[in-house]
Amino acid sequence: MNLIFPALIIIFTFNISVANAHEHSESKKIVNAFFDLAFVQRKPTEAAKKYISPNKYIQHNPEAVDGREAFIKGFAAYVEKTSYQCQIKQVIADSDIVAVHSLCKESAKDVGSAVVDIFRIEHNLIVEHWDVQQAIPVKSANKNTMF
């Protein structure tokens, strides 16, 4: 009896860890696929229809409207009309939250911006988005890069 309870706790904890690892992996795959299709391959409308929930897309950028259709009519249309493109530098996942750190440029001549997009996944679809960006300076106070 004394050994059964600790063994059950270990098994239960292991099962939760394995389930969480799978959830992290799936969320990360979904966001990575969306971001690559939308901003690396520059097909944001196709990416939105495939990966953003049609019923719920909460937008925390104060310049953007909630909803998948608003994304398609707004930022997706902008990306498709311009030379805007990103390079994924790293992707970090914690449960249903995934952050993408990227270098995004308006054109080939643009120095670009360091951007962090944060997405929340629900039922294998993107349902929420936050973002922050910082212009890459021409001259830096140190020798480190922003990536």
C-alpha atoms as a PDB file:
ATOM      1  CA  MET A   1       0.000   0.000   0.000  1.00  0.00           C
ATOM      2  CA  ASN A   2       2.798   2.438   0.843  1.00  0.00           C
ATOM      3  CA  LEU A   3       4.403   1.955  -2.590  1.00  0.00           C
ATOM      4  CA  ILE A   4       1.196   1.990  -4.634  1.00  0.00           C
ATOM      5  CA  PHE A   5       0.255   5.635  -3.977  1.00  0.00           C
ATOM      6  CA  PRO A   6       3.694   7.115  -4.940  1.00  0.00           C
ATOM      7  CA  ALA A   7       3.761   4.875  -8.023  1.00  0.00           C
ATOM      8  CA  LEU A   8       0.314   6.127  -9.073  1.00  0.00           C
ATOM      9  CA  ILE A   9       1.446   9.743  -8.644  1.00  0.00           C
ATOM     10  CA  ILE A  10       4.505   9.114 -10.832  1.00  0.00           C
ATOM     11  CA  ILE A  11       2.395   7.430 -13.529  1.00  0.00           C
ATOM     12  CA  PHE A  12      -0.223  10.213 -13.417  1.00  0.00           C
ATOM     13  CA  THR A  13       2.461  12.926 -13.597  1.00  0.00           C
ATOM     14  CA  PHE A  14       4.191  11.152 -16.485  1.00  0.00           C
ATOM     15  CA  ASN A  15       0.906  10.892 -18.415  1.00  0.00           C
ATOM     16  CA  ILE A  16       0.219  14.615 -17.924  1.00  0.00           C
ATOM     17  CA  SER A  17       3.769  15.467 -19.081  1.00  0.00           C
ATOM     18  CA  VAL A  18       3.421  13.322 -22.199  1.00  0.00           C
ATOM     19  CA  ALA A  19       0.010  14.872 -22.992  1.00  0.00           C
ATOM     20  CA  ASN A  20       1.397  18.398 -22.484  1.00  0.00           C
ATOM     21  CA  ALA A  21       4.422  17.648 -24.670  1.00  0.00           C
ATOM     22  CA  HIS A  22       2.088  16.441 -27.435  1.00  0.00           C
ATOM     23  CA  GLU A  23      -0.081  19.576 -27.059  1.00  0.00           C
ATOM     24  CA  HIS A  24       3.027  21.813 -27.244  1.00  0.00           C
ATOM     25  CA  SER A  25       4.205  19.959 -30.329  1.00  0.00           C
ATOM     26  CA  GLU A  26       0.848  20.193 -32.126  1.00  0.00           C
ATOM     27  CA  SER A  27       0.350  23.877 -31.273  1.00  0.00           C
ATOM     28  CA  LYS A  28       3.883  24.644 -32.442  1.00  0.00           C
ATOM     29  CA  LYS A  29       3.351  22.749 -35.724  1.00  0.00           C
ATOM     30  CA  ILE A  30       0.081  24.609 -36.404  1.00  0.00           C
ATOM     31  CA  VAL A  31       1.555  28.064 -35.788  1.00  0.00           C
ATOM     32  CA  ASN A  32       4.769  27.305 -37.661  1.00  0.00           C
ATOM     33  CA  ALA A  33       2.770  26.078 -40.678  1.00  0.00           C
ATOM     34  CA  PHE A  34       0.476  29.132 -40.561  1.00  0.00           C
ATOM     35  CA  PHE A  35       3.321  31.638 -40.231  1.00  0.00           C
ATOM     36  CA  ASP A  36       5.417  29.990 -42.940  1.00  0.00           C
ATOM     37  CA  LEU A  37       2.531  29.915 -45.416  1.00  0.00           C
ATOM     38  CA  ALA A  38       1.294  33.425 -44.549  1.00  0.00           C
ATOM     39  CA  PHE A  39       4.486  35.437 -44.214  1.00  0.00           C
ATOM     40  CA  VAL A  40       7.396  33.418 -45.621  1.00  0.00           C
ATOM     41  CA  GLN A  41       5.606  32.035 -48.683  1.00  0.00           C
ATOM     42  CA  ARG A  42       3.375  35.151 -48.717  1.00  0.00           C
ATOM     43  CA  LYS A  43       0.014  33.358 -48.992  1.00  0.00           C
ATOM     44  CA  PRO A  44      -1.792  34.850 -45.975  1.00  0.00           C
ATOM     45  CA  THR A  45      -5.366  34.366 -47.229  1.00  0.00           C
ATOM     46  CA  GLU A  46      -4.766  30.672 -47.853  1.00  0.00           C
ATOM     47  CA  ALA A  47      -3.064  30.386 -44.448  1.00  0.00           C
ATOM     48  CA  ALA A  48      -5.926  32.178 -42.668  1.00  0.00           C
ATOM     49  CA  LYS A  49      -8.583  29.953 -44.215  1.00  0.00           C
ATOM     50  CA  LYS A  50      -6.623  26.861 -43.216  1.00  0.00           C
ATOM     51  CA  TYR A  51      -5.370  27.781 -39.713  1.00  0.00           C
ATOM     52  CA  ILE A  52      -7.468  30.623 -38.195  1.00  0.00           C
ATOM     53  CA  SER A  53     -10.798  29.758 -36.585  1.00  0.00           C
ATOM     54  CA  PRO A  54     -13.742  31.065 -38.617  1.00  0.00           C
ATOM     55  CA  ASN A  55     -15.760  31.521 -35.412  1.00  0.00           C
ATOM     56  CA  LYS A  56     -13.313  33.183 -33.045  1.00  0.00           C
ATOM     57  CA  TYR A  57     -10.157  35.207 -33.700  1.00  0.00           C
ATOM     58  CA  ILE A  58      -9.357  37.658 -30.912  1.00  0.00           C
ATOM     59  CA  GLN A  59      -6.912  40.347 -32.012  1.00  0.00           C
ATOM     60  CA  HIS A  60      -4.872  42.268 -29.419  1.00  0.00           C
ATOM     61  CA  ASN A  61      -3.140  44.582 -31.901  1.00  0.00           C
ATOM     62  CA  PRO A  62      -4.942  47.918 -31.344  1.00  0.00           C
ATOM     63  CA  GLU A  63      -4.839  48.641 -35.085  1.00  0.00           C
ATOM     64  CA  ALA A  64      -6.557  45.388 -36.091  1.00  0.00           C
ATOM     65  CA  VAL A  65     -10.165  44.218 -35.915  1.00  0.00           C
ATOM     66  CA  ASP A  66     -11.225  40.844 -34.469  1.00  0.00           C
ATOM     67  CA  GLY A  67     -12.174  37.983 -36.795  1.00  0.00           C
ATOM     68  CA  ARG A  68     -10.662  35.870 -39.551  1.00  0.00           C
ATOM     69  CA  GLU A  69     -12.377  37.847 -42.318  1.00  0.00           C
ATOM     70  CA  ALA A  70     -11.007  41.089 -40.895  1.00  0.00           C
ATOM     71  CA  PHE A  71      -7.503  39.586 -41.007  1.00  0.00           C
ATOM     72  CA  ILE A  72      -8.023  38.521 -44.629  1.00  0.00           C
ATOM     73  CA  LYS A  73      -9.387  41.927 -45.688  1.00  0.00           C
ATOM     74  CA  GLY A  74      -6.769  43.824 -43.675  1.00  0.00           C
ATOM     75  CA  PHE A  75      -3.279  42.486 -43.098  1.00  0.00           C
ATOM     76  CA  ALA A  76      -3.503  39.576 -45.549  1.00  0.00           C
ATOM     77  CA  ALA A  77      -4.512  41.966 -48.342  1.00  0.00           C
ATOM     78  CA  TYR A  78      -1.604  44.238 -47.393  1.00  0.00           C
ATOM     79  CA  VAL A  79       0.908  41.374 -47.527  1.00  0.00           C
ATOM     80  CA  GLU A  80      -0.418  40.220 -50.908  1.00  0.00           C
ATOM     81  CA  LYS A  81      -0.209  43.743 -52.409  1.00  0.00           C
ATOM     82  CA  THR A  82       3.278  44.569 -51.109  1.00  0.00           C
ATOM     83  CA  SER A  83       6.680  42.928 -50.786  1.00  0.00           C
ATOM     84  CA  TYR A  84       6.209  42.279 -47.058  1.00  0.00           C
ATOM     85  CA  GLN A  85       7.962  39.065 -46.046  1.00  0.00           C
ATOM     86  CA  CYS A  86       9.292  37.452 -42.878  1.00  0.00           C
ATOM     87  CA  GLN A  87      11.988  34.996 -41.881  1.00  0.00           C
ATOM     88  CA  ILE A  88      11.258  32.801 -38.885  1.00  0.00           C
ATOM     89  CA  LYS A  89      14.121  32.977 -36.402  1.00  0.00           C
ATOM     90  CA  GLN A  90      12.651  30.899 -33.566  1.00  0.00           C
ATOM     91  CA  VAL A  91       9.370  29.382 -32.418  1.00  0.00           C
ATOM     92  CA  ILE A  92       8.619  28.798 -28.741  1.00  0.00           C
ATOM     93  CA  ALA A  93       5.611  26.867 -27.395  1.00  0.00           C
ATOM     94  CA  ASP A  94       4.035  26.568 -23.968  1.00  0.00           C
ATOM     95  CA  SER A  95       0.852  24.502 -24.010  1.00  0.00           C
ATOM     96  CA  ASP A  96      -1.645  26.297 -26.279  1.00  0.00           C
ATOM     97  CA  ILE A  97       0.462  29.483 -26.557  1.00  0.00           C
ATOM     98  CA  VAL A  98       3.079  29.777 -29.310  1.00  0.00           C
ATOM     99  CA  ALA A  99       5.457  32.675 -29.966  1.00  0.00           C
ATOM    100  CA  VAL A 100       7.205  33.319 -33.273  1.00  0.00           C
ATOM    101  CA  HIS A 101      10.299  35.559 -33.275  1.00  0.00           C
ATOM    102  CA  SER A 102      10.894  36.776 -36.813  1.00  0.00           C
ATOM    103  CA  LEU A 103      12.653  39.270 -39.048  1.00  0.00           C
ATOM    104  CA  CYS A 104      10.076  41.043 -41.208  1.00  0.00           C
ATOM    105  CA  LYS A 105      10.815  43.412 -44.061  1.00  0.00           C
ATOM    106  CA  GLU A 106       8.693  45.734 -46.175  1.00  0.00           C
ATOM    107  CA  SER A 107      11.100  45.308 -49.120  1.00  0.00           C
ATOM    108  CA  ALA A 108      14.465  43.755 -49.982  1.00  0.00           C
ATOM    109  CA  LYS A 109      16.199  47.079 -49.201  1.00  0.00           C
ATOM    110  CA  ASP A 110      14.489  47.436 -45.810  1.00  0.00           C
ATOM    111  CA  VAL A 111      16.633  46.703 -42.725  1.00  0.00           C
ATOM    112  CA  GLY A 112      13.476  45.275 -41.207  1.00  0.00           C
ATOM    113  CA  SER A 113      11.928  44.808 -37.798  1.00  0.00           C
ATOM    114  CA  ALA A 114      12.274  42.216 -35.087  1.00  0.00           C
ATOM    115  CA  VAL A 115       8.751  40.938 -34.533  1.00  0.00           C
ATOM    116  CA  VAL A 116       7.234  38.652 -31.919  1.00  0.00           C
ATOM    117  CA  ASP A 117       3.809  37.225 -32.738  1.00  0.00           C
ATOM    118  CA  ILE A 118       2.046  35.273 -30.014  1.00  0.00           C
ATOM    119  CA  PHE A 119      -0.792  32.929 -30.898  1.00  0.00           C
ATOM    120  CA  ARG A 120      -3.240  30.884 -28.842  1.00  0.00           C
ATOM    121  CA  ILE A 121      -4.535  27.600 -30.222  1.00  0.00           C
ATOM    122  CA  GLU A 122      -7.924  26.064 -29.501  1.00  0.00           C
ATOM    123  CA  HIS A 123      -9.196  22.882 -31.200  1.00  0.00           C
ATOM    124  CA  ASN A 124      -6.173  22.947 -33.557  1.00  0.00           C
ATOM    125  CA  LEU A 125      -6.996  26.439 -34.852  1.00  0.00           C
ATOM    126  CA  ILE A 126      -5.584  29.882 -34.094  1.00  0.00           C
ATOM    127  CA  VAL A 127      -8.074  31.810 -31.965  1.00  0.00           C
ATOM    128  CA  GLU A 128      -6.046  34.674 -30.492  1.00  0.00           C
ATOM    129  CA  HIS A 129      -3.100  36.888 -31.500  1.00  0.00           C
ATOM    130  CA  TRP A 130      -0.761  39.433 -29.895  1.00  0.00           C
ATOM    131  CA  ASP A 131       2.239  41.111 -31.525  1.00  0.00           C
ATOM    132  CA  VAL A 132       5.071  43.494 -30.799  1.00  0.00           C
ATOM    133  CA  GLN A 133       7.738  44.824 -33.115  1.00  0.00           C
ATOM    134  CA  GLN A 134      10.918  46.844 -32.927  1.00  0.00           C
ATOM    135  CA  ALA A 135      12.649  48.454 -35.879  1.00  0.00           C
ATOM    136  CA  ILE A 136      16.186  47.187 -36.366  1.00  0.00           C
ATOM    137  CA  PRO A 137      18.531  50.159 -35.930  1.00  0.00           C
ATOM    138  CA  VAL A 138      21.200  50.884 -38.519  1.00  0.00           C
ATOM    139  CA  LYS A 139      23.682  51.426 -35.675  1.00  0.00           C
ATOM    140  CA  SER A 140      23.623  49.472 -32.401  1.00  0.00           C
ATOM    141  CA  ALA A 141      25.155  50.270 -29.000  1.00  0.00           C
ATOM    142  CA  ASN A 142      26.499  46.684 -28.898  1.00  0.00           C
ATOM    143  CA  LYS A 143      27.697  43.950 -31.253  1.00  0.00           C
ATOM    144  CA  ASN A 144      24.749  41.651 -30.522  1.00  0.00           C
ATOM    145  CA  THR A 145      22.088  41.094 -33.117  1.00  0.00           C
ATOM    146  CA  MET A 146      18.368  41.222 -32.390  1.00  0.00           C
ATOM    147  CA  PHE A 147      18.223  37.517 -33.195  1.00  0.00           C
END
